[in-house]
Amino acid sequence: MNKRGIETLVGVFVLLGMAALLFLALKAANLASFGDGQGYEVKARFDNIGGLKPRSPVRSAGVVVGRVTSIGLDAKTFQGVVTMRIDSALQFPKDSSAKILTAGLLGDQYIGIEAGVDDKNLAAGDMIRQTQSAVVLENLIGQFVTSKAGEAGSQGGGGK
């Protein structure tokens, strides 16, 4: 093989490597959706959505079943309203519940759906009524520090 052929093969290899890195970066950032986008939208209200973002996964039993499409604020109740697109092949019962969970200790947040037992299924535009808001790490730390300070104050006042 001559020098020009080797240079061409190296160039093709470099381009394939760059394309693979681009693909991985898009998948890691949840920006590449290679699905068909088919599904139905449901909504859920949360008191605190934490760090949930549009395009965050919606999971059931650890399996991605959809994506968060939008997040807004209800002007009357001041709750976060999360709109999710669920894969049309999956039908969840109407009494299913939704929780905002965190992947690992400091990982990204996602919606976890636990299937209910109702005979009727969620349809496009339905609202998931049973929700649990995000656990905010800063709030937990604040509660822990406050409780420890209260314990130290009640124990340390009687010394001679």
N, C-alpha and C. Protein backbone atom coordinates (compact mmCIF):
# COMPACT_ATOMS: atom_id res chain seq x y z
N MET A 1 0.85 -1.16 0.00
CA MET A 1 0.00 0.00 0.00
C MET A 1 0.91 1.24 0.00
N ASN A 2 0.56 2.20 -0.83
CA ASN A 2 1.39 3.40 -0.91
C ASN A 2 1.03 4.40 0.21
N LYS A 3 1.82 5.45 0.27
CA LYS A 3 1.68 6.44 1.34
C LYS A 3 0.33 7.15 1.29
N ARG A 4 -0.16 7.43 0.10
CA ARG A 4 -1.43 8.12 -0.06
C ARG A 4 -2.60 7.26 0.45
N GLY A 5 -2.55 5.97 0.21
CA GLY A 5 -3.61 5.06 0.69
C GLY A 5 -3.63 4.97 2.21
N ILE A 6 -2.46 4.94 2.82
CA ILE A 6 -2.38 4.89 4.28
C ILE A 6 -2.93 6.18 4.88
N GLU A 7 -2.59 7.33 4.30
CA GLU A 7 -3.11 8.61 4.80
C GLU A 7 -4.63 8.68 4.68
N THR A 8 -5.18 8.13 3.62
CA THR A 8 -6.63 8.12 3.45
C THR A 8 -7.29 7.26 4.53
N LEU A 9 -6.73 6.09 4.78
CA LEU A 9 -7.28 5.21 5.82
C LEU A 9 -7.20 5.86 7.21
N VAL A 10 -6.10 6.53 7.50
CA VAL A 10 -5.96 7.22 8.78
C VAL A 10 -7.01 8.33 8.89
N GLY A 11 -7.24 9.06 7.82
CA GLY A 11 -8.25 10.12 7.81
C GLY A 11 -9.65 9.57 8.06
N VAL A 12 -9.99 8.46 7.42
CA VAL A 12 -11.29 7.84 7.62
C VAL A 12 -11.43 7.37 9.07
N PHE A 13 -10.36 6.78 9.61
CA PHE A 13 -10.38 6.32 11.00
C PHE A 13 -10.59 7.49 11.97
N VAL A 14 -9.93 8.60 11.75
CA VAL A 14 -10.08 9.78 12.59
C VAL A 14 -11.51 10.31 12.51
N LEU A 15 -12.10 10.37 11.32
CA LEU A 15 -13.47 10.85 11.16
C LEU A 15 -14.46 9.93 11.88
N LEU A 16 -14.26 8.62 11.79
CA LEU A 16 -15.13 7.68 12.50
C LEU A 16 -15.00 7.86 14.01
N GLY A 17 -13.79 8.09 14.50
CA GLY A 17 -13.58 8.32 15.92
C GLY A 17 -14.28 9.59 16.39
N MET A 18 -14.20 10.65 15.60
CA MET A 18 -14.87 11.90 15.96
C MET A 18 -16.39 11.73 15.95
N ALA A 19 -16.91 10.99 14.99
CA ALA A 19 -18.35 10.74 14.94
C ALA A 19 -18.81 9.93 16.15
N ALA A 20 -18.00 8.95 16.56
CA ALA A 20 -18.34 8.15 17.75
C ALA A 20 -18.33 9.01 19.00
N LEU A 21 -17.36 9.90 19.14
CA LEU A 21 -17.31 10.79 20.30
C LEU A 21 -18.51 11.74 20.33
N LEU A 22 -18.90 12.26 19.18
CA LEU A 22 -20.07 13.13 19.09
C LEU A 22 -21.33 12.37 19.51
N PHE A 23 -21.48 11.15 19.03
CA PHE A 23 -22.62 10.32 19.39
C PHE A 23 -22.67 10.09 20.90
N LEU A 24 -21.55 9.74 21.50
CA LEU A 24 -21.50 9.50 22.95
C LEU A 24 -21.80 10.76 23.74
N ALA A 25 -21.30 11.90 23.30
CA ALA A 25 -21.56 13.16 23.99
C ALA A 25 -23.05 13.51 23.95
N LEU A 26 -23.69 13.31 22.81
CA LEU A 26 -25.11 13.60 22.71
C LEU A 26 -25.94 12.64 23.55
N LYS A 27 -25.58 11.39 23.59
CA LYS A 27 -26.31 10.42 24.41
C LYS A 27 -26.13 10.72 25.90
N ALA A 28 -24.93 11.09 26.30
CA ALA A 28 -24.66 11.39 27.71
C ALA A 28 -25.42 12.63 28.16
N ALA A 29 -25.63 13.57 27.27
CA ALA A 29 -26.33 14.81 27.61
C ALA A 29 -27.84 14.71 27.38
N ASN A 30 -28.34 13.53 27.02
CA ASN A 30 -29.76 13.31 26.73
C ASN A 30 -30.27 14.21 25.61
N LEU A 31 -29.41 14.56 24.68
CA LEU A 31 -29.83 15.42 23.58
C LEU A 31 -30.14 14.64 22.32
N ALA A 32 -29.67 13.43 22.23
CA ALA A 32 -29.89 12.63 21.04
C ALA A 32 -31.04 11.67 21.29
N SER A 33 -32.12 11.88 20.61
CA SER A 33 -33.23 10.95 20.70
C SER A 33 -33.37 10.28 19.36
N PHE A 34 -33.01 9.03 19.34
CA PHE A 34 -33.04 8.30 18.08
C PHE A 34 -34.32 7.48 17.95
N GLY A 35 -35.28 7.70 18.87
CA GLY A 35 -36.57 7.03 18.79
C GLY A 35 -37.46 7.77 17.81
N ASP A 36 -38.67 7.25 17.67
CA ASP A 36 -39.60 7.86 16.70
C ASP A 36 -40.43 8.98 17.31
N GLY A 37 -40.32 9.21 18.63
CA GLY A 37 -41.05 10.30 19.25
C GLY A 37 -42.53 10.01 19.44
N GLN A 38 -42.97 8.78 19.17
CA GLN A 38 -44.37 8.41 19.35
C GLN A 38 -44.65 8.22 20.84
N GLY A 39 -45.83 8.58 21.24
CA GLY A 39 -46.21 8.38 22.63
C GLY A 39 -47.36 9.30 23.00
N TYR A 40 -47.71 9.25 24.27
CA TYR A 40 -48.78 10.10 24.78
C TYR A 40 -48.24 10.93 25.94
N GLU A 41 -48.81 12.13 26.09
CA GLU A 41 -48.33 13.03 27.13
C GLU A 41 -49.24 12.97 28.34
N VAL A 42 -48.61 12.92 29.51
CA VAL A 42 -49.31 13.01 30.79
C VAL A 42 -48.62 14.09 31.62
N LYS A 43 -49.33 14.60 32.62
CA LYS A 43 -48.79 15.65 33.46
C LYS A 43 -48.81 15.22 34.91
N ALA A 44 -47.96 15.86 35.71
CA ALA A 44 -47.93 15.63 37.15
C ALA A 44 -47.54 16.93 37.83
N ARG A 45 -48.08 17.17 39.03
CA ARG A 45 -47.78 18.36 39.80
C ARG A 45 -46.87 17.98 40.96
N PHE A 46 -45.86 18.82 41.19
CA PHE A 46 -44.91 18.59 42.28
C PHE A 46 -44.71 19.88 43.05
N ASP A 47 -44.56 19.77 44.38
CA ASP A 47 -44.28 20.95 45.20
C ASP A 47 -42.88 21.48 44.94
N ASN A 48 -41.95 20.57 44.63
CA ASN A 48 -40.55 20.96 44.37
C ASN A 48 -39.99 20.02 43.32
N ILE A 49 -39.53 20.57 42.20
CA ILE A 49 -38.99 19.71 41.15
C ILE A 49 -37.48 19.57 41.25
N GLY A 50 -36.84 20.27 42.20
CA GLY A 50 -35.39 20.16 42.37
C GLY A 50 -34.65 20.55 41.10
N GLY A 51 -33.75 19.70 40.65
CA GLY A 51 -32.95 19.98 39.47
C GLY A 51 -33.44 19.26 38.22
N LEU A 52 -34.70 18.87 38.20
CA LEU A 52 -35.25 18.19 37.03
C LEU A 52 -35.23 19.12 35.83
N LYS A 53 -34.90 18.58 34.68
CA LYS A 53 -34.79 19.38 33.46
C LYS A 53 -35.60 18.74 32.33
N PRO A 54 -36.01 19.54 31.35
CA PRO A 54 -36.60 18.93 30.16
C PRO A 54 -35.62 17.95 29.54
N ARG A 55 -36.12 16.89 28.95
CA ARG A 55 -35.36 15.79 28.34
C ARG A 55 -34.84 14.80 29.39
N SER A 56 -35.14 15.02 30.68
CA SER A 56 -34.77 14.04 31.70
C SER A 56 -35.56 12.77 31.46
N PRO A 57 -34.98 11.62 31.79
CA PRO A 57 -35.70 10.37 31.53
C PRO A 57 -36.87 10.15 32.49
N VAL A 58 -37.85 9.41 32.01
CA VAL A 58 -38.94 8.90 32.82
C VAL A 58 -38.72 7.40 32.86
N ARG A 59 -38.61 6.84 34.08
CA ARG A 59 -38.28 5.42 34.22
C ARG A 59 -39.34 4.70 35.03
N SER A 60 -39.49 3.44 34.72
CA SER A 60 -40.32 2.55 35.50
C SER A 60 -39.53 1.26 35.67
N ALA A 61 -39.32 0.83 36.89
CA ALA A 61 -38.51 -0.35 37.21
C ALA A 61 -37.10 -0.23 36.64
N GLY A 62 -36.60 1.00 36.57
CA GLY A 62 -35.24 1.24 36.08
C GLY A 62 -35.12 1.33 34.57
N VAL A 63 -36.21 1.11 33.84
CA VAL A 63 -36.19 1.13 32.38
C VAL A 63 -36.74 2.46 31.89
N VAL A 64 -36.06 3.08 30.94
CA VAL A 64 -36.53 4.36 30.39
C VAL A 64 -37.79 4.11 29.56
N VAL A 65 -38.89 4.76 29.97
CA VAL A 65 -40.17 4.59 29.29
C VAL A 65 -40.66 5.89 28.65
N GLY A 66 -39.89 6.97 28.82
CA GLY A 66 -40.29 8.24 28.26
C GLY A 66 -39.32 9.34 28.62
N ARG A 67 -39.72 10.57 28.33
CA ARG A 67 -38.89 11.76 28.59
C ARG A 67 -39.77 12.89 29.09
N VAL A 68 -39.17 13.77 29.89
CA VAL A 68 -39.83 15.00 30.31
C VAL A 68 -39.81 15.95 29.12
N THR A 69 -40.98 16.45 28.72
CA THR A 69 -41.04 17.35 27.56
C THR A 69 -41.02 18.82 27.97
N SER A 70 -41.67 19.14 29.11
CA SER A 70 -41.66 20.54 29.53
C SER A 70 -41.92 20.63 31.03
N ILE A 71 -41.51 21.76 31.60
CA ILE A 71 -41.71 22.05 33.02
C ILE A 71 -42.23 23.47 33.13
N GLY A 72 -43.29 23.65 33.89
CA GLY A 72 -43.86 24.98 34.06
C GLY A 72 -44.34 25.18 35.49
N LEU A 73 -44.84 26.37 35.78
CA LEU A 73 -45.35 26.70 37.10
C LEU A 73 -46.82 27.04 36.98
N ASP A 74 -47.65 26.39 37.79
CA ASP A 74 -49.07 26.69 37.83
C ASP A 74 -49.25 28.00 38.61
N ALA A 75 -49.85 29.00 37.98
CA ALA A 75 -49.99 30.32 38.59
C ALA A 75 -50.98 30.33 39.75
N LYS A 76 -51.87 29.34 39.84
CA LYS A 76 -52.85 29.31 40.93
C LYS A 76 -52.33 28.56 42.15
N THR A 77 -51.71 27.41 41.94
CA THR A 77 -51.26 26.59 43.08
C THR A 77 -49.78 26.77 43.38
N PHE A 78 -49.05 27.41 42.49
CA PHE A 78 -47.61 27.61 42.62
C PHE A 78 -46.86 26.29 42.76
N GLN A 79 -47.34 25.29 42.05
CA GLN A 79 -46.67 24.00 41.97
C GLN A 79 -46.03 23.86 40.61
N GLY A 80 -44.96 23.06 40.56
CA GLY A 80 -44.35 22.76 39.28
C GLY A 80 -45.18 21.74 38.53
N VAL A 81 -45.44 22.01 37.26
CA VAL A 81 -46.21 21.09 36.42
C VAL A 81 -45.24 20.50 35.41
N VAL A 82 -45.08 19.18 35.47
CA VAL A 82 -44.15 18.47 34.59
C VAL A 82 -44.95 17.70 33.55
N THR A 83 -44.64 17.93 32.29
CA THR A 83 -45.27 17.20 31.20
C THR A 83 -44.30 16.15 30.70
N MET A 84 -44.79 14.91 30.58
CA MET A 84 -43.95 13.78 30.16
C MET A 84 -44.56 13.11 28.95
N ARG A 85 -43.70 12.64 28.06
CA ARG A 85 -44.15 11.83 26.92
C ARG A 85 -43.76 10.40 27.22
N ILE A 86 -44.78 9.52 27.30
CA ILE A 86 -44.60 8.11 27.60
C ILE A 86 -44.71 7.31 26.30
N ASP A 87 -43.89 6.29 26.16
CA ASP A 87 -43.90 5.43 24.98
C ASP A 87 -45.30 4.86 24.78
N SER A 88 -45.81 4.95 23.56
CA SER A 88 -47.18 4.53 23.29
C SER A 88 -47.39 3.02 23.46
N ALA A 89 -46.33 2.24 23.46
CA ALA A 89 -46.47 0.79 23.65
C ALA A 89 -46.75 0.44 25.11
N LEU A 90 -46.57 1.40 26.03
CA LEU A 90 -46.74 1.14 27.46
C LEU A 90 -47.97 1.88 27.97
N GLN A 91 -48.83 1.18 28.65
CA GLN A 91 -50.04 1.78 29.22
C GLN A 91 -49.99 1.60 30.73
N PHE A 92 -49.90 2.72 31.45
CA PHE A 92 -49.86 2.68 32.91
C PHE A 92 -51.27 2.89 33.46
N PRO A 93 -51.61 2.21 34.57
CA PRO A 93 -52.92 2.40 35.19
C PRO A 93 -53.10 3.84 35.68
N LYS A 94 -54.37 4.28 35.79
CA LYS A 94 -54.68 5.65 36.20
C LYS A 94 -54.18 5.97 37.61
N ASP A 95 -54.07 4.98 38.48
CA ASP A 95 -53.65 5.25 39.85
C ASP A 95 -52.14 5.09 40.04
N SER A 96 -51.39 5.19 38.97
CA SER A 96 -49.92 5.13 39.06
C SER A 96 -49.41 6.36 39.78
N SER A 97 -48.22 6.25 40.37
CA SER A 97 -47.63 7.39 41.08
C SER A 97 -46.32 7.79 40.42
N ALA A 98 -45.95 9.05 40.60
CA ALA A 98 -44.72 9.58 40.02
C ALA A 98 -43.88 10.21 41.12
N LYS A 99 -42.58 9.94 41.10
CA LYS A 99 -41.64 10.50 42.07
C LYS A 99 -40.47 11.11 41.31
N ILE A 100 -39.90 12.16 41.87
CA ILE A 100 -38.66 12.71 41.33
C ILE A 100 -37.54 12.07 42.13
N LEU A 101 -36.70 11.33 41.44
CA LEU A 101 -35.62 10.58 42.06
C LEU A 101 -34.28 11.07 41.54
N THR A 102 -33.22 10.68 42.22
CA THR A 102 -31.86 11.07 41.83
C THR A 102 -31.07 9.82 41.51
N ALA A 103 -30.33 9.85 40.41
CA ALA A 103 -29.46 8.74 40.02
C ALA A 103 -28.17 8.86 40.82
N GLY A 104 -28.04 8.09 41.88
CA GLY A 104 -26.86 8.18 42.73
C GLY A 104 -26.98 9.33 43.71
N LEU A 105 -25.92 9.57 44.47
CA LEU A 105 -25.95 10.61 45.49
C LEU A 105 -26.02 12.01 44.90
N LEU A 106 -25.23 12.27 43.88
CA LEU A 106 -25.21 13.61 43.27
C LEU A 106 -25.53 13.56 41.78
N GLY A 107 -26.22 12.54 41.33
CA GLY A 107 -26.49 12.36 39.91
C GLY A 107 -27.65 13.21 39.43
N ASP A 108 -27.98 13.03 38.16
CA ASP A 108 -29.10 13.75 37.55
C ASP A 108 -30.41 13.24 38.11
N GLN A 109 -31.42 14.09 38.05
CA GLN A 109 -32.74 13.70 38.52
C GLN A 109 -33.59 13.20 37.37
N TYR A 110 -34.53 12.32 37.70
CA TYR A 110 -35.43 11.74 36.72
C TYR A 110 -36.77 11.46 37.39
N ILE A 111 -37.77 11.16 36.57
CA ILE A 111 -39.09 10.81 37.09
C ILE A 111 -39.18 9.29 37.16
N GLY A 112 -39.60 8.79 38.29
CA GLY A 112 -39.85 7.36 38.45
C GLY A 112 -41.34 7.13 38.55
N ILE A 113 -41.87 6.24 37.71
CA ILE A 113 -43.29 5.93 37.73
C ILE A 113 -43.47 4.53 38.30
N GLU A 114 -44.35 4.44 39.31
CA GLU A 114 -44.72 3.15 39.87
C GLU A 114 -46.14 2.84 39.42
N ALA A 115 -46.31 1.72 38.76
CA ALA A 115 -47.61 1.34 38.22
C ALA A 115 -48.59 1.03 39.34
N GLY A 116 -49.82 1.46 39.15
CA GLY A 116 -50.88 1.17 40.09
C GLY A 116 -51.61 -0.12 39.70
N VAL A 117 -52.84 -0.26 40.20
CA VAL A 117 -53.60 -1.49 39.94
C VAL A 117 -54.97 -1.23 39.32
N ASP A 118 -55.26 0.02 38.97
CA ASP A 118 -56.56 0.37 38.40
C ASP A 118 -56.77 -0.33 37.06
N ASP A 119 -58.04 -0.60 36.75
CA ASP A 119 -58.38 -1.24 35.47
C ASP A 119 -58.26 -0.25 34.31
N LYS A 120 -58.48 1.03 34.57
CA LYS A 120 -58.41 2.05 33.52
C LYS A 120 -56.97 2.55 33.41
N ASN A 121 -56.56 2.87 32.19
CA ASN A 121 -55.20 3.33 31.94
C ASN A 121 -55.14 4.84 31.74
N LEU A 122 -53.94 5.40 31.95
CA LEU A 122 -53.71 6.82 31.66
C LEU A 122 -53.88 7.05 30.16
N ALA A 123 -54.46 8.17 29.81
CA ALA A 123 -54.61 8.54 28.40
C ALA A 123 -53.92 9.88 28.18
N ALA A 124 -53.80 10.26 26.93
CA ALA A 124 -53.15 11.53 26.59
C ALA A 124 -53.85 12.68 27.31
N GLY A 125 -53.05 13.52 27.98
CA GLY A 125 -53.58 14.68 28.67
C GLY A 125 -53.97 14.44 30.12
N ASP A 126 -53.92 13.19 30.58
CA ASP A 126 -54.29 12.89 31.97
C ASP A 126 -53.25 13.43 32.94
N MET A 127 -53.69 13.57 34.20
CA MET A 127 -52.83 14.05 35.28
C MET A 127 -52.55 12.90 36.24
N ILE A 128 -51.28 12.69 36.56
CA ILE A 128 -50.92 11.71 37.59
C ILE A 128 -51.13 12.41 38.93
N ARG A 129 -52.03 11.87 39.76
CA ARG A 129 -52.44 12.53 41.00
C ARG A 129 -51.49 12.26 42.16
N GLN A 130 -50.95 11.06 42.24
CA GLN A 130 -50.08 10.72 43.37
C GLN A 130 -48.63 11.03 43.00
N THR A 131 -48.08 12.05 43.65
CA THR A 131 -46.71 12.46 43.34
C THR A 131 -45.90 12.64 44.61
N GLN A 132 -44.59 12.54 44.45
CA GLN A 132 -43.66 12.83 45.54
C GLN A 132 -42.58 13.74 44.99
N SER A 133 -42.39 14.87 45.63
CA SER A 133 -41.44 15.87 45.15
C SER A 133 -40.00 15.42 45.34
N ALA A 134 -39.10 16.18 44.76
CA ALA A 134 -37.68 15.89 44.84
C ALA A 134 -37.17 16.10 46.26
N VAL A 135 -36.22 15.27 46.65
CA VAL A 135 -35.53 15.46 47.92
C VAL A 135 -34.32 16.34 47.62
N VAL A 136 -34.29 17.51 48.23
CA VAL A 136 -33.22 18.47 47.98
C VAL A 136 -32.13 18.27 49.03
N LEU A 137 -30.93 17.95 48.58
CA LEU A 137 -29.82 17.64 49.48
C LEU A 137 -29.53 18.79 50.44
N GLU A 138 -29.62 20.02 49.97
CA GLU A 138 -29.35 21.17 50.82
C GLU A 138 -30.34 21.24 51.98
N ASN A 139 -31.61 20.92 51.74
CA ASN A 139 -32.62 20.92 52.80
C ASN A 139 -32.32 19.85 53.84
N LEU A 140 -31.90 18.66 53.38
CA LEU A 140 -31.56 17.59 54.32
C LEU A 140 -30.38 17.98 55.20
N ILE A 141 -29.37 18.58 54.60
CA ILE A 141 -28.19 19.01 55.37
C ILE A 141 -28.59 20.08 56.37
N GLY A 142 -29.43 21.03 55.96
CA GLY A 142 -29.90 22.08 56.86
C GLY A 142 -30.67 21.52 58.04
N GLN A 143 -31.54 20.53 57.79
CA GLN A 143 -32.30 19.91 58.87
C GLN A 143 -31.37 19.17 59.84
N PHE A 144 -30.36 18.50 59.30
CA PHE A 144 -29.41 17.77 60.13
C PHE A 144 -28.61 18.73 61.01
N VAL A 145 -28.12 19.82 60.43
CA VAL A 145 -27.34 20.80 61.19
C VAL A 145 -28.20 21.44 62.27
N THR A 146 -29.44 21.78 61.93
CA THR A 146 -30.34 22.41 62.90
C THR A 146 -30.64 21.46 64.06
N SER A 147 -30.87 20.18 63.76
CA SER A 147 -31.17 19.23 64.83
C SER A 147 -29.95 19.00 65.72
N LYS A 148 -28.75 18.96 65.14
CA LYS A 148 -27.54 18.79 65.94
C LYS A 148 -27.26 20.03 66.79
N ALA A 149 -27.53 21.21 66.26
CA ALA A 149 -27.33 22.44 67.03
C ALA A 149 -28.32 22.49 68.18
N GLY A 150 -29.55 22.04 67.96
CA GLY A 150 -30.55 22.00 69.03
C GLY A 150 -30.17 21.03 70.13
N GLU A 151 -29.63 19.88 69.75
CA GLU A 151 -29.17 18.89 70.74
C GLU A 151 -28.02 19.44 71.56
N ALA A 152 -27.06 20.09 70.91
CA ALA A 152 -25.89 20.65 71.62
C ALA A 152 -26.32 21.76 72.56
N GLY A 153 -27.30 22.57 72.18
CA GLY A 153 -27.78 23.66 73.02
C GLY A 153 -28.51 23.15 74.25
N SER A 154 -29.24 22.05 74.11
CA SER A 154 -30.00 21.52 75.24
C SER A 154 -29.13 20.73 76.21
N GLN A 155 -27.98 20.25 75.76
CA GLN A 155 -27.09 19.45 76.62
C GLN A 155 -25.99 20.27 77.27
N GLY A 156 -25.61 21.39 76.70
CA GLY A 156 -24.42 22.11 77.15
C GLY A 156 -24.68 23.23 78.12
N GLY A 157 -25.89 23.45 78.63
CA GLY A 157 -26.17 24.62 79.44
C GLY A 157 -26.00 24.43 80.93
N GLY A 158 -25.72 23.23 81.47
CA GLY A 158 -25.74 23.03 82.90
C GLY A 158 -24.38 22.77 83.53
N GLY A 159 -23.26 23.10 82.90
CA GLY A 159 -21.93 22.79 83.45
C GLY A 159 -21.49 23.79 84.50
N LYS A 160 -20.59 23.37 85.48
CA LYS A 160 -20.07 24.27 86.53
C LYS A 160 -18.68 24.68 86.26
